[in-house]
């Protein structure tokens, strides 16, 4: 199944959606409630590589950002106004998962 990228017209946040080839592709609604449109991807260039991502799963409650307690566990981490973690690339994602104590069972190194 191909991955399609959508951009919110209000907050400019990227969203990735999986669609089957025979499925009708209706643009998803952004978390902020704004309308999205499909992002143009140049031929031969994948948008799924090493790019900044927004992770709600790695996010925290905004009160933890305000009082600074989240930065004891994740020093130098960045968050948006909703508490979603902004992850710069795959290396940072791996680092943040280790800080949380997650173990990747597929990584045998």
Foldseek 3Di string as FASTA:
>chain_A
DDKWWKAFPPPRAIDIDDDDPPDDDDFDADPVRGGIDTDDDPPPDDPPAFAKHWAPPLFDQQVCVVVVVVCVLVPPWDADNRRTTIAGGDVSVVVSCVSVVDDDPVDPD
